[in-house]
Amino acid sequence: MKKYFLSAIAYLCLTFISYSQDTGESTLGTWYEITSSNRISDKISISGSLTNWNYEMFDNQHLLLGIIGVNYHLNKNVTLGVGYANGSIDTTFEDTDTPYIKENRSLEQISIKHKSNKIGWSHRFRLEQRFLEYPTEDKLKHRIRYRFKGSLPINKILFITVYDEIHFNLNEFDFHQNRAYLGLGAKLNGNINVETGYARHAFKTKSFNRISLQLNLKFDFRNEN
């Protein structure tokens, strides 16, 4: 299965190169993210995340979004989840007609994971109802997302992660964005790992290069009962 993992890496590299002339590549941005997964029973977990995108390394914030969710574990490989998100989107760096947007979002998802040899694969299907507050009006937009992700351990501490996630608007079915990522992670202990890598964030007319830094927390409170 390693050849499939390497093929995924090659696909992402081609994705990065294919957008090399798109508007927006003159700057290198950042993608910061903190995630938390908290198992409270055999069937239930609570998850959360905080995401910050910036058009430039230390300036021009693009997005700030917090998500909280509740998940039901059907078995060790399949999980159902619902969640709520709140955030803001600033597109002034793109010179759009609607520069600042506030968002409230509800979501439903199913996550499926499996393992082939040493590679851990996961698939996430997510539906979103996006309540957007524009400067002059409010809109409800529906969106569907699919993400595939692979993780290959190098040793007991280091691992390589690749993923690609595509988004489609459903009000009028069309492409919204794609996120491709290649990174290196390290397990600091049983509860904490960190990742750093490169993300290519492509929209219809613009694509952005971003350095990604992630802090991932995972706790199991069942052992404390």
N, C-alpha and C. Protein backbone atom coordinates (compact mmCIF):
# COMPACT_ATOMS: atom_id res chain seq x y z
N MET A 1 0.81 -1.22 0.00
CA MET A 1 0.00 0.00 0.00
C MET A 1 0.84 1.27 0.00
N LYS A 2 2.14 1.13 0.23
CA LYS A 2 2.98 2.33 0.25
C LYS A 2 2.97 3.03 -1.10
N LYS A 3 2.82 2.24 -2.19
CA LYS A 3 2.79 2.86 -3.52
C LYS A 3 1.59 3.79 -3.66
N TYR A 4 0.46 3.45 -3.01
CA TYR A 4 -0.71 4.32 -3.05
C TYR A 4 -0.47 5.59 -2.25
N PHE A 5 0.25 5.43 -1.14
CA PHE A 5 0.59 6.61 -0.33
C PHE A 5 1.52 7.53 -1.12
N LEU A 6 2.51 6.95 -1.78
CA LEU A 6 3.43 7.75 -2.59
C LEU A 6 2.70 8.38 -3.77
N SER A 7 1.74 7.66 -4.33
CA SER A 7 0.93 8.23 -5.42
C SER A 7 0.14 9.43 -4.94
N ALA A 8 -0.37 9.36 -3.69
CA ALA A 8 -1.10 10.50 -3.12
C ALA A 8 -0.18 11.69 -2.96
N ILE A 9 1.05 11.45 -2.52
CA ILE A 9 2.02 12.55 -2.39
C ILE A 9 2.32 13.16 -3.75
N ALA A 10 2.51 12.29 -4.76
CA ALA A 10 2.79 12.79 -6.11
C ALA A 10 1.63 13.63 -6.64
N TYR A 11 0.40 13.17 -6.36
CA TYR A 11 -0.79 13.91 -6.80
C TYR A 11 -0.82 15.30 -6.17
N LEU A 12 -0.51 15.37 -4.88
CA LEU A 12 -0.52 16.67 -4.22
C LEU A 12 0.56 17.58 -4.78
N CYS A 13 1.74 17.02 -5.05
CA CYS A 13 2.81 17.83 -5.63
C CYS A 13 2.40 18.39 -6.98
N LEU A 14 1.74 17.57 -7.81
CA LEU A 14 1.26 18.04 -9.10
C LEU A 14 0.21 19.11 -8.93
N THR A 15 -0.63 18.96 -7.89
CA THR A 15 -1.64 19.98 -7.60
C THR A 15 -0.98 21.31 -7.28
N PHE A 16 0.08 21.28 -6.47
CA PHE A 16 0.79 22.50 -6.11
C PHE A 16 1.38 23.17 -7.35
N ILE A 17 2.01 22.35 -8.20
CA ILE A 17 2.68 22.91 -9.37
C ILE A 17 1.68 23.44 -10.39
N SER A 18 0.55 22.77 -10.56
CA SER A 18 -0.41 23.13 -11.61
C SER A 18 -1.02 24.50 -11.39
N TYR A 19 -1.01 25.01 -10.16
CA TYR A 19 -1.57 26.31 -9.88
C TYR A 19 -0.51 27.39 -9.78
N SER A 20 0.66 27.13 -10.31
CA SER A 20 1.80 28.00 -10.04
C SER A 20 1.64 29.41 -10.57
N GLN A 21 0.74 29.65 -11.53
CA GLN A 21 0.58 30.98 -12.10
C GLN A 21 -0.65 31.70 -11.57
N ASP A 22 -1.37 31.10 -10.62
CA ASP A 22 -2.60 31.72 -10.13
C ASP A 22 -2.33 32.98 -9.31
N THR A 23 -3.26 33.93 -9.40
CA THR A 23 -3.17 35.14 -8.60
C THR A 23 -3.17 34.79 -7.13
N GLY A 24 -2.27 35.43 -6.37
CA GLY A 24 -2.20 35.19 -4.94
C GLY A 24 -0.94 34.48 -4.51
N GLU A 25 -0.17 33.97 -5.43
CA GLU A 25 1.04 33.25 -5.06
C GLU A 25 2.23 34.17 -4.81
N SER A 26 2.04 35.44 -4.90
CA SER A 26 3.14 36.36 -4.65
C SER A 26 3.45 36.47 -3.16
N THR A 27 2.55 35.96 -2.32
CA THR A 27 2.79 35.99 -0.88
C THR A 27 2.67 34.59 -0.30
N LEU A 28 3.38 34.35 0.78
CA LEU A 28 3.30 33.09 1.50
C LEU A 28 2.53 33.32 2.79
N GLY A 29 1.41 32.62 2.94
CA GLY A 29 0.57 32.81 4.11
C GLY A 29 0.78 31.72 5.15
N THR A 30 -0.05 31.75 6.17
CA THR A 30 0.04 30.78 7.26
C THR A 30 -1.32 30.16 7.53
N TRP A 31 -1.27 28.97 8.09
CA TRP A 31 -2.47 28.22 8.45
C TRP A 31 -2.19 27.61 9.82
N TYR A 32 -2.75 28.20 10.85
CA TYR A 32 -2.58 27.71 12.21
C TYR A 32 -3.84 26.97 12.64
N GLU A 33 -3.65 25.86 13.35
CA GLU A 33 -4.82 25.10 13.78
C GLU A 33 -4.54 24.35 15.08
N ILE A 34 -5.50 24.39 15.99
CA ILE A 34 -5.47 23.59 17.21
C ILE A 34 -6.71 22.70 17.19
N THR A 35 -6.52 21.41 17.39
CA THR A 35 -7.65 20.48 17.45
C THR A 35 -7.63 19.73 18.78
N SER A 36 -8.81 19.30 19.21
CA SER A 36 -8.92 18.54 20.45
C SER A 36 -9.98 17.47 20.29
N SER A 37 -9.66 16.24 20.71
CA SER A 37 -10.60 15.12 20.70
C SER A 37 -10.62 14.53 22.09
N ASN A 38 -11.82 14.46 22.68
CA ASN A 38 -11.95 14.07 24.07
C ASN A 38 -12.97 12.94 24.20
N ARG A 39 -12.50 11.74 24.48
CA ARG A 39 -13.38 10.58 24.62
C ARG A 39 -13.95 10.55 26.03
N ILE A 40 -15.26 10.60 26.15
CA ILE A 40 -15.88 10.62 27.48
C ILE A 40 -16.61 9.33 27.81
N SER A 41 -16.86 8.49 26.80
CA SER A 41 -17.44 7.18 27.01
C SER A 41 -17.07 6.30 25.82
N ASP A 42 -17.48 5.03 25.86
CA ASP A 42 -17.16 4.14 24.75
C ASP A 42 -17.78 4.60 23.44
N LYS A 43 -18.91 5.31 23.52
CA LYS A 43 -19.62 5.72 22.31
C LYS A 43 -19.55 7.22 22.01
N ILE A 44 -19.24 8.04 22.99
CA ILE A 44 -19.34 9.49 22.82
C ILE A 44 -17.99 10.17 23.01
N SER A 45 -17.71 11.14 22.13
CA SER A 45 -16.55 12.02 22.29
C SER A 45 -16.95 13.45 21.94
N ILE A 46 -16.21 14.38 22.48
CA ILE A 46 -16.41 15.80 22.20
C ILE A 46 -15.16 16.32 21.51
N SER A 47 -15.35 17.02 20.40
CA SER A 47 -14.21 17.53 19.64
C SER A 47 -14.31 19.04 19.49
N GLY A 48 -13.19 19.66 19.21
CA GLY A 48 -13.16 21.10 19.00
C GLY A 48 -11.95 21.49 18.17
N SER A 49 -12.02 22.64 17.55
CA SER A 49 -10.88 23.14 16.78
C SER A 49 -10.94 24.66 16.69
N LEU A 50 -9.78 25.26 16.52
CA LEU A 50 -9.65 26.69 16.27
C LEU A 50 -8.69 26.87 15.11
N THR A 51 -9.17 27.52 14.05
CA THR A 51 -8.39 27.67 12.82
C THR A 51 -8.19 29.13 12.49
N ASN A 52 -6.97 29.46 12.09
CA ASN A 52 -6.63 30.83 11.68
C ASN A 52 -5.83 30.77 10.38
N TRP A 53 -6.37 31.39 9.32
CA TRP A 53 -5.64 31.55 8.07
C TRP A 53 -5.20 33.00 7.94
N ASN A 54 -4.02 33.19 7.34
CA ASN A 54 -3.53 34.53 7.06
C ASN A 54 -3.00 34.58 5.63
N TYR A 55 -3.32 35.66 4.92
CA TYR A 55 -2.85 35.80 3.55
C TYR A 55 -1.33 35.97 3.50
N GLU A 56 -0.76 36.59 4.53
CA GLU A 56 0.68 36.77 4.62
C GLU A 56 1.18 36.13 5.91
N MET A 57 2.48 36.07 6.09
CA MET A 57 3.05 35.33 7.22
C MET A 57 2.52 35.81 8.57
N PHE A 58 2.49 37.12 8.76
CA PHE A 58 2.08 37.64 10.06
C PHE A 58 1.03 38.75 9.94
N ASP A 59 0.32 38.78 8.83
CA ASP A 59 -0.61 39.89 8.60
C ASP A 59 -1.73 39.44 7.67
N ASN A 60 -2.76 40.32 7.56
CA ASN A 60 -3.88 40.11 6.64
C ASN A 60 -4.62 38.80 6.92
N GLN A 61 -5.33 38.78 8.03
CA GLN A 61 -6.08 37.59 8.40
C GLN A 61 -7.18 37.28 7.39
N HIS A 62 -7.27 36.04 7.00
CA HIS A 62 -8.28 35.59 6.06
C HIS A 62 -9.48 34.99 6.79
N LEU A 63 -9.21 34.11 7.75
CA LEU A 63 -10.30 33.42 8.44
C LEU A 63 -9.91 33.13 9.89
N LEU A 64 -10.89 33.26 10.76
CA LEU A 64 -10.78 32.80 12.14
C LEU A 64 -12.06 32.03 12.45
N LEU A 65 -11.93 30.73 12.78
CA LEU A 65 -13.11 29.86 12.91
C LEU A 65 -12.93 28.90 14.07
N GLY A 66 -13.94 28.85 14.95
CA GLY A 66 -13.96 27.88 16.03
C GLY A 66 -15.09 26.90 15.82
N ILE A 67 -14.84 25.62 16.09
CA ILE A 67 -15.83 24.56 15.91
C ILE A 67 -15.89 23.70 17.17
N ILE A 68 -17.09 23.33 17.58
CA ILE A 68 -17.27 22.36 18.64
C ILE A 68 -18.24 21.29 18.15
N GLY A 69 -17.97 20.03 18.49
CA GLY A 69 -18.80 18.95 17.97
C GLY A 69 -18.97 17.82 18.97
N VAL A 70 -20.02 17.03 18.75
CA VAL A 70 -20.28 15.83 19.52
C VAL A 70 -20.30 14.66 18.55
N ASN A 71 -19.63 13.57 18.91
CA ASN A 71 -19.46 12.45 18.01
C ASN A 71 -19.94 11.15 18.64
N TYR A 72 -20.57 10.31 17.80
CA TYR A 72 -21.04 9.00 18.23
C TYR A 72 -20.24 7.95 17.48
N HIS A 73 -19.56 7.06 18.21
CA HIS A 73 -18.69 6.06 17.62
C HIS A 73 -19.47 4.76 17.42
N LEU A 74 -19.82 4.50 16.17
CA LEU A 74 -20.54 3.26 15.87
C LEU A 74 -19.68 2.04 16.17
N ASN A 75 -18.42 2.14 15.79
CA ASN A 75 -17.43 1.12 16.09
C ASN A 75 -16.06 1.79 16.01
N LYS A 76 -14.99 1.01 16.01
CA LYS A 76 -13.65 1.61 16.05
C LYS A 76 -13.28 2.31 14.75
N ASN A 77 -14.04 2.08 13.68
CA ASN A 77 -13.69 2.66 12.38
C ASN A 77 -14.68 3.68 11.84
N VAL A 78 -15.88 3.74 12.39
CA VAL A 78 -16.93 4.62 11.84
C VAL A 78 -17.47 5.52 12.95
N THR A 79 -17.50 6.83 12.66
CA THR A 79 -17.96 7.82 13.63
C THR A 79 -18.93 8.79 12.97
N LEU A 80 -20.04 9.07 13.64
CA LEU A 80 -20.99 10.08 13.21
C LEU A 80 -20.83 11.31 14.09
N GLY A 81 -20.99 12.51 13.49
CA GLY A 81 -20.80 13.72 14.28
C GLY A 81 -21.71 14.86 13.85
N VAL A 82 -22.01 15.73 14.81
CA VAL A 82 -22.71 16.99 14.54
C VAL A 82 -21.91 18.08 15.22
N GLY A 83 -22.03 19.32 14.70
CA GLY A 83 -21.24 20.39 15.28
C GLY A 83 -21.78 21.76 14.97
N TYR A 84 -21.17 22.74 15.63
CA TYR A 84 -21.51 24.15 15.43
C TYR A 84 -20.21 24.94 15.29
N ALA A 85 -20.21 25.90 14.37
CA ALA A 85 -19.03 26.72 14.14
C ALA A 85 -19.41 28.19 14.10
N ASN A 86 -18.48 29.02 14.53
CA ASN A 86 -18.66 30.47 14.48
C ASN A 86 -17.34 31.09 14.06
N GLY A 87 -17.42 32.05 13.14
CA GLY A 87 -16.17 32.65 12.69
C GLY A 87 -16.38 33.88 11.85
N SER A 88 -15.28 34.38 11.32
CA SER A 88 -15.29 35.55 10.45
C SER A 88 -14.34 35.32 9.29
N ILE A 89 -14.72 35.87 8.14
CA ILE A 89 -13.93 35.74 6.91
C ILE A 89 -13.65 37.13 6.38
N ASP A 90 -12.39 37.43 6.15
CA ASP A 90 -12.00 38.73 5.61
C ASP A 90 -11.35 38.53 4.24
N THR A 91 -11.98 39.05 3.20
CA THR A 91 -11.47 38.86 1.84
C THR A 91 -10.95 40.16 1.23
N THR A 92 -10.63 41.14 2.05
CA THR A 92 -10.18 42.42 1.52
C THR A 92 -8.88 42.29 0.72
N PHE A 93 -8.05 41.32 1.09
CA PHE A 93 -6.79 41.13 0.38
C PHE A 93 -7.02 40.67 -1.05
N GLU A 94 -8.24 40.14 -1.32
CA GLU A 94 -8.57 39.67 -2.66
C GLU A 94 -9.33 40.73 -3.47
N ASP A 95 -9.59 41.89 -2.87
CA ASP A 95 -10.30 42.98 -3.56
C ASP A 95 -11.68 42.54 -4.04
N THR A 96 -12.44 41.88 -3.15
CA THR A 96 -13.79 41.46 -3.52
C THR A 96 -14.80 42.55 -3.17
N ASP A 97 -16.04 42.36 -3.66
CA ASP A 97 -17.10 43.34 -3.39
C ASP A 97 -17.69 43.17 -1.99
N THR A 98 -17.49 42.01 -1.37
CA THR A 98 -18.02 41.76 -0.02
C THR A 98 -16.85 41.38 0.88
N PRO A 99 -16.12 42.36 1.37
CA PRO A 99 -14.85 42.06 2.02
C PRO A 99 -14.95 41.33 3.36
N TYR A 100 -15.99 41.58 4.15
CA TYR A 100 -16.03 41.03 5.50
C TYR A 100 -17.33 40.27 5.72
N ILE A 101 -17.20 39.01 6.17
CA ILE A 101 -18.36 38.14 6.34
C ILE A 101 -18.29 37.48 7.72
N LYS A 102 -19.41 37.49 8.44
CA LYS A 102 -19.52 36.71 9.67
C LYS A 102 -20.29 35.43 9.37
N GLU A 103 -19.92 34.37 10.07
CA GLU A 103 -20.55 33.08 9.76
C GLU A 103 -20.92 32.31 11.02
N ASN A 104 -22.15 31.76 11.01
CA ASN A 104 -22.57 30.72 11.94
C ASN A 104 -22.85 29.49 11.11
N ARG A 105 -22.42 28.34 11.60
CA ARG A 105 -22.48 27.14 10.76
C ARG A 105 -22.90 25.94 11.59
N SER A 106 -23.80 25.13 11.04
CA SER A 106 -24.09 23.81 11.61
C SER A 106 -23.57 22.76 10.63
N LEU A 107 -23.22 21.58 11.15
CA LEU A 107 -22.61 20.57 10.29
C LEU A 107 -22.96 19.17 10.78
N GLU A 108 -22.96 18.25 9.81
CA GLU A 108 -23.17 16.83 10.07
C GLU A 108 -22.11 16.07 9.27
N GLN A 109 -21.54 15.01 9.86
CA GLN A 109 -20.47 14.32 9.15
C GLN A 109 -20.41 12.85 9.53
N ILE A 110 -19.75 12.09 8.66
CA ILE A 110 -19.42 10.70 8.93
C ILE A 110 -17.94 10.52 8.60
N SER A 111 -17.22 9.86 9.50
CA SER A 111 -15.79 9.61 9.31
C SER A 111 -15.55 8.11 9.30
N ILE A 112 -14.77 7.67 8.33
CA ILE A 112 -14.45 6.25 8.19
C ILE A 112 -12.94 6.10 8.10
N LYS A 113 -12.39 5.21 8.89
CA LYS A 113 -10.94 4.99 8.85
C LYS A 113 -10.63 3.51 8.69
N HIS A 114 -9.47 3.24 8.10
CA HIS A 114 -9.00 1.87 7.93
C HIS A 114 -7.49 1.91 7.80
N LYS A 115 -6.89 0.75 7.89
CA LYS A 115 -5.43 0.67 7.85
C LYS A 115 -5.00 -0.36 6.82
N SER A 116 -3.98 -0.01 6.05
CA SER A 116 -3.39 -0.92 5.08
C SER A 116 -1.89 -0.97 5.36
N ASN A 117 -1.42 -2.12 5.81
CA ASN A 117 -0.04 -2.24 6.27
C ASN A 117 0.20 -1.21 7.37
N LYS A 118 1.13 -0.32 7.18
CA LYS A 118 1.42 0.68 8.21
C LYS A 118 0.70 2.00 7.98
N ILE A 119 0.01 2.13 6.87
CA ILE A 119 -0.60 3.42 6.51
C ILE A 119 -2.02 3.49 7.05
N GLY A 120 -2.31 4.55 7.79
CA GLY A 120 -3.66 4.79 8.27
C GLY A 120 -4.39 5.72 7.32
N TRP A 121 -5.55 5.28 6.82
CA TRP A 121 -6.35 6.08 5.89
C TRP A 121 -7.64 6.52 6.58
N SER A 122 -8.12 7.69 6.22
CA SER A 122 -9.42 8.13 6.73
C SER A 122 -10.16 8.88 5.63
N HIS A 123 -11.49 8.81 5.70
CA HIS A 123 -12.38 9.49 4.76
C HIS A 123 -13.42 10.24 5.58
N ARG A 124 -13.63 11.51 5.26
CA ARG A 124 -14.63 12.29 5.97
C ARG A 124 -15.58 12.95 4.98
N PHE A 125 -16.88 12.69 5.16
CA PHE A 125 -17.93 13.32 4.37
C PHE A 125 -18.68 14.27 5.29
N ARG A 126 -18.80 15.53 4.88
CA ARG A 126 -19.42 16.53 5.75
C ARG A 126 -20.43 17.39 4.99
N LEU A 127 -21.60 17.61 5.58
CA LEU A 127 -22.60 18.56 5.10
C LEU A 127 -22.59 19.78 6.01
N GLU A 128 -22.71 20.97 5.42
CA GLU A 128 -22.68 22.21 6.20
C GLU A 128 -23.82 23.13 5.79
N GLN A 129 -24.40 23.77 6.78
CA GLN A 129 -25.38 24.83 6.56
C GLN A 129 -24.74 26.13 7.05
N ARG A 130 -24.41 27.00 6.12
CA ARG A 130 -23.61 28.20 6.43
C ARG A 130 -24.52 29.43 6.46
N PHE A 131 -24.69 30.01 7.63
CA PHE A 131 -25.49 31.23 7.79
C PHE A 131 -24.52 32.41 7.75
N LEU A 132 -24.49 33.09 6.60
CA LEU A 132 -23.50 34.12 6.33
C LEU A 132 -24.12 35.51 6.46
N GLU A 133 -23.44 36.35 7.21
CA GLU A 133 -23.86 37.74 7.40
C GLU A 133 -22.94 38.65 6.59
N TYR A 134 -23.44 39.07 5.42
CA TYR A 134 -22.71 40.02 4.59
C TYR A 134 -23.00 41.45 5.08
N PRO A 135 -22.22 42.42 4.63
CA PRO A 135 -22.47 43.80 5.07
C PRO A 135 -23.87 44.31 4.76
N THR A 136 -24.50 43.82 3.68
CA THR A 136 -25.80 44.36 3.28
C THR A 136 -26.93 43.34 3.34
N GLU A 137 -26.63 42.04 3.53
CA GLU A 137 -27.67 41.02 3.53
C GLU A 137 -27.16 39.75 4.21
N ASP A 138 -28.11 38.86 4.53
CA ASP A 138 -27.77 37.56 5.09
C ASP A 138 -28.13 36.47 4.08
N LYS A 139 -27.33 35.41 4.05
CA LYS A 139 -27.56 34.32 3.11
C LYS A 139 -27.36 32.98 3.81
N LEU A 140 -28.11 31.98 3.35
CA LEU A 140 -27.91 30.60 3.80
C LEU A 140 -27.35 29.81 2.62
N LYS A 141 -26.15 29.26 2.82
CA LYS A 141 -25.52 28.47 1.77
C LYS A 141 -25.24 27.06 2.29
N HIS A 142 -25.52 26.08 1.43
CA HIS A 142 -25.28 24.69 1.78
C HIS A 142 -24.03 24.20 1.05
N ARG A 143 -23.26 23.37 1.74
CA ARG A 143 -22.00 22.91 1.17
C ARG A 143 -21.75 21.46 1.56
N ILE A 144 -21.11 20.71 0.65
CA ILE A 144 -20.68 19.35 0.92
C ILE A 144 -19.17 19.26 0.74
N ARG A 145 -18.52 18.47 1.61
CA ARG A 145 -17.08 18.33 1.58
C ARG A 145 -16.70 16.85 1.66
N TYR A 146 -15.60 16.52 0.98
CA TYR A 146 -15.03 15.18 1.12
C TYR A 146 -13.52 15.30 1.29
N ARG A 147 -13.00 14.63 2.32
CA ARG A 147 -11.55 14.64 2.57
C ARG A 147 -11.03 13.21 2.67
N PHE A 148 -9.94 12.92 1.94
CA PHE A 148 -9.21 11.69 2.19
C PHE A 148 -7.86 12.05 2.78
N LYS A 149 -7.40 11.21 3.68
CA LYS A 149 -6.18 11.52 4.43
C LYS A 149 -5.39 10.24 4.66
N GLY A 150 -4.08 10.34 4.55
CA GLY A 150 -3.21 9.21 4.81
C GLY A 150 -2.11 9.60 5.77
N SER A 151 -1.74 8.67 6.64
CA SER A 151 -0.67 8.92 7.60
C SER A 151 0.28 7.73 7.62
N LEU A 152 1.56 7.98 7.39
CA LEU A 152 2.58 6.94 7.32
C LEU A 152 3.61 7.16 8.41
N PRO A 153 3.74 6.25 9.38
CA PRO A 153 4.76 6.42 10.42
C PRO A 153 6.16 6.19 9.87
N ILE A 154 7.08 7.06 10.27
CA ILE A 154 8.49 6.89 9.92
C ILE A 154 9.20 6.08 11.00
N ASN A 155 8.91 6.43 12.24
CA ASN A 155 9.39 5.68 13.40
C ASN A 155 8.36 5.86 14.51
N LYS A 156 8.74 5.63 15.75
CA LYS A 156 7.79 5.72 16.84
C LYS A 156 7.36 7.16 17.13
N ILE A 157 8.10 8.13 16.64
CA ILE A 157 7.80 9.54 16.92
C ILE A 157 7.31 10.27 15.68
N LEU A 158 7.99 10.14 14.56
CA LEU A 158 7.72 10.94 13.37
C LEU A 158 6.75 10.22 12.43
N PHE A 159 5.96 11.02 11.70
CA PHE A 159 5.04 10.48 10.71
C PHE A 159 4.82 11.51 9.60
N ILE A 160 4.42 11.02 8.43
CA ILE A 160 4.10 11.88 7.28
C ILE A 160 2.59 11.86 7.08
N THR A 161 2.02 13.03 6.82
CA THR A 161 0.58 13.14 6.57
C THR A 161 0.34 13.79 5.22
N VAL A 162 -0.60 13.24 4.45
CA VAL A 162 -1.07 13.87 3.22
C VAL A 162 -2.59 13.89 3.26
N TYR A 163 -3.18 14.94 2.73
CA TYR A 163 -4.64 14.92 2.56
C TYR A 163 -5.06 15.87 1.46
N ASP A 164 -6.24 15.61 0.95
CA ASP A 164 -6.87 16.50 -0.02
C ASP A 164 -8.35 16.58 0.32
N GLU A 165 -8.88 17.80 0.34
CA GLU A 165 -10.29 17.98 0.66
C GLU A 165 -10.92 18.92 -0.36
N ILE A 166 -12.00 18.46 -0.96
CA ILE A 166 -12.70 19.25 -1.97
C ILE A 166 -14.07 19.67 -1.44
N HIS A 167 -14.48 20.90 -1.78
CA HIS A 167 -15.75 21.47 -1.31
C HIS A 167 -16.61 21.85 -2.52
N PHE A 168 -17.91 21.56 -2.43
CA PHE A 168 -18.86 21.99 -3.46
C PHE A 168 -20.03 22.71 -2.81
N ASN A 169 -20.42 23.83 -3.39
CA ASN A 169 -21.65 24.50 -2.98
C ASN A 169 -22.85 23.71 -3.52
N LEU A 170 -23.94 23.67 -2.75
CA LEU A 170 -25.10 22.89 -3.14
C LEU A 170 -26.30 23.74 -3.56
N ASN A 171 -26.33 25.04 -3.23
CA ASN A 171 -27.44 25.88 -3.68
C ASN A 171 -27.55 25.81 -5.19
N GLU A 172 -26.44 26.04 -5.83
CA GLU A 172 -26.27 25.77 -7.26
C GLU A 172 -24.98 24.97 -7.35
N PHE A 173 -25.09 23.70 -7.64
CA PHE A 173 -23.94 22.80 -7.49
C PHE A 173 -22.75 23.30 -8.30
N ASP A 174 -21.69 23.70 -7.60
CA ASP A 174 -20.47 24.12 -8.26
C ASP A 174 -19.30 24.02 -7.29
N PHE A 175 -18.10 24.03 -7.85
CA PHE A 175 -16.88 23.93 -7.08
C PHE A 175 -16.70 25.17 -6.21
N HIS A 176 -16.31 24.97 -4.96
CA HIS A 176 -16.05 26.10 -4.07
C HIS A 176 -14.56 26.25 -3.76
N GLN A 177 -13.93 25.17 -3.26
CA GLN A 177 -12.50 25.25 -2.94
C GLN A 177 -11.92 23.86 -2.80
N ASN A 178 -10.57 23.80 -2.81
CA ASN A 178 -9.85 22.56 -2.58
C ASN A 178 -8.65 22.85 -1.68
N ARG A 179 -8.41 21.94 -0.74
CA ARG A 179 -7.28 22.08 0.18
C ARG A 179 -6.40 20.85 0.07
N ALA A 180 -5.15 21.04 -0.31
CA ALA A 180 -4.19 19.95 -0.41
C ALA A 180 -3.06 20.20 0.57
N TYR A 181 -2.61 19.13 1.23
CA TYR A 181 -1.64 19.31 2.32
C TYR A 181 -0.64 18.16 2.34
N LEU A 182 0.62 18.50 2.63
CA LEU A 182 1.68 17.54 2.84
C LEU A 182 2.50 18.00 4.03
N GLY A 183 2.65 17.14 5.05
CA GLY A 183 3.32 17.60 6.25
C GLY A 183 4.05 16.50 7.00
N LEU A 184 4.86 16.95 7.96
CA LEU A 184 5.62 16.07 8.84
C LEU A 184 5.14 16.29 10.27
N GLY A 185 4.83 15.20 10.97
CA GLY A 185 4.33 15.30 12.33
C GLY A 185 5.24 14.59 13.32
N ALA A 186 5.04 14.95 14.59
CA ALA A 186 5.81 14.33 15.67
C ALA A 186 4.88 14.07 16.86
N LYS A 187 4.93 12.86 17.40
CA LYS A 187 4.17 12.52 18.59
C LYS A 187 4.99 12.88 19.82
N LEU A 188 4.54 13.90 20.55
CA LEU A 188 5.28 14.33 21.73
C LEU A 188 5.03 13.38 22.90
N ASN A 189 3.79 12.89 23.00
CA ASN A 189 3.44 11.86 23.99
C ASN A 189 2.12 11.24 23.55
N GLY A 190 1.47 10.49 24.43
CA GLY A 190 0.23 9.84 24.05
C GLY A 190 -0.93 10.77 23.82
N ASN A 191 -0.83 12.01 24.28
CA ASN A 191 -1.94 12.97 24.18
C ASN A 191 -1.70 14.10 23.19
N ILE A 192 -0.46 14.34 22.79
CA ILE A 192 -0.13 15.53 22.01
C ILE A 192 0.73 15.16 20.81
N ASN A 193 0.36 15.68 19.65
CA ASN A 193 1.26 15.66 18.51
C ASN A 193 1.22 16.99 17.80
N VAL A 194 2.28 17.29 17.09
CA VAL A 194 2.39 18.54 16.34
C VAL A 194 2.72 18.21 14.89
N GLU A 195 2.29 19.09 13.99
CA GLU A 195 2.57 18.91 12.57
C GLU A 195 2.97 20.25 11.96
N THR A 196 3.85 20.17 10.98
CA THR A 196 4.15 21.33 10.16
C THR A 196 4.24 20.88 8.71
N GLY A 197 3.78 21.72 7.80
CA GLY A 197 3.77 21.30 6.41
C GLY A 197 3.38 22.43 5.48
N TYR A 198 3.04 22.04 4.28
CA TYR A 198 2.68 22.99 3.22
C TYR A 198 1.26 22.71 2.76
N ALA A 199 0.46 23.76 2.67
CA ALA A 199 -0.93 23.63 2.21
C ALA A 199 -1.14 24.49 0.97
N ARG A 200 -1.84 23.92 0.00
CA ARG A 200 -2.24 24.67 -1.19
C ARG A 200 -3.74 24.86 -1.11
N HIS A 201 -4.18 26.11 -1.03
CA HIS A 201 -5.58 26.44 -0.81
C HIS A 201 -6.11 27.09 -2.09
N ALA A 202 -6.89 26.33 -2.85
CA ALA A 202 -7.32 26.77 -4.17
C ALA A 202 -8.81 27.09 -4.19
N PHE A 203 -9.16 28.29 -4.69
CA PHE A 203 -10.53 28.69 -4.92
C PHE A 203 -10.78 28.71 -6.43
N LYS A 204 -11.92 29.21 -6.85
CA LYS A 204 -12.24 29.21 -8.28
C LYS A 204 -11.23 30.01 -9.09
N THR A 205 -10.89 31.19 -8.60
CA THR A 205 -10.04 32.08 -9.39
C THR A 205 -8.71 32.38 -8.73
N LYS A 206 -8.53 31.99 -7.47
CA LYS A 206 -7.29 32.30 -6.76
C LYS A 206 -6.82 31.09 -5.98
N SER A 207 -5.50 30.99 -5.82
CA SER A 207 -4.92 29.93 -5.02
C SER A 207 -3.83 30.52 -4.14
N PHE A 208 -3.68 29.95 -2.95
CA PHE A 208 -2.75 30.51 -1.98
C PHE A 208 -1.82 29.43 -1.44
N ASN A 209 -0.56 29.81 -1.23
CA ASN A 209 0.44 28.95 -0.60
C ASN A 209 0.49 29.27 0.88
N ARG A 210 0.43 28.23 1.72
CA ARG A 210 0.42 28.48 3.15
C ARG A 210 1.28 27.48 3.90
N ILE A 211 2.05 28.00 4.84
CA ILE A 211 2.77 27.16 5.78
C ILE A 211 1.81 26.79 6.90
N SER A 212 1.72 25.51 7.19
CA SER A 212 0.76 25.02 8.17
C SER A 212 1.47 24.60 9.46
N LEU A 213 0.90 25.02 10.58
CA LEU A 213 1.36 24.60 11.91
C LEU A 213 0.15 24.10 12.69
N GLN A 214 0.22 22.89 13.20
CA GLN A 214 -0.92 22.29 13.89
C GLN A 214 -0.51 21.73 15.25
N LEU A 215 -1.38 21.91 16.21
CA LEU A 215 -1.26 21.29 17.52
C LEU A 215 -2.49 20.43 17.73
N ASN A 216 -2.31 19.13 17.91
CA ASN A 216 -3.42 18.19 18.03
C ASN A 216 -3.40 17.54 19.41
N LEU A 217 -4.52 17.67 20.13
CA LEU A 217 -4.66 17.15 21.48
C LEU A 217 -5.67 16.02 21.48
N LYS A 218 -5.39 14.96 22.21
CA LYS A 218 -6.29 13.82 22.29
C LYS A 218 -6.28 13.28 23.71
N PHE A 219 -7.48 13.23 24.32
CA PHE A 219 -7.58 12.78 25.70
C PHE A 219 -8.68 11.72 25.83
N ASP A 220 -8.46 10.80 26.73
CA ASP A 220 -9.44 9.75 27.01
C ASP A 220 -9.77 9.80 28.49
N PHE A 221 -10.98 10.30 28.79
CA PHE A 221 -11.40 10.47 30.18
C PHE A 221 -12.08 9.22 30.74
N ARG A 222 -12.20 8.18 29.93
CA ARG A 222 -12.81 6.95 30.43
C ARG A 222 -11.96 6.30 31.51
N ASN A 223 -10.65 6.47 31.42
CA ASN A 223 -9.76 5.83 32.38
C ASN A 223 -9.78 6.51 33.75
N GLU A 224 -10.41 7.72 33.80
CA GLU A 224 -10.45 8.46 35.05
C GLU A 224 -11.69 8.18 35.85
N ASN A 225 -12.64 7.43 35.29
CA ASN A 225 -13.89 7.13 36.00
C ASN A 225 -13.68 6.03 37.06
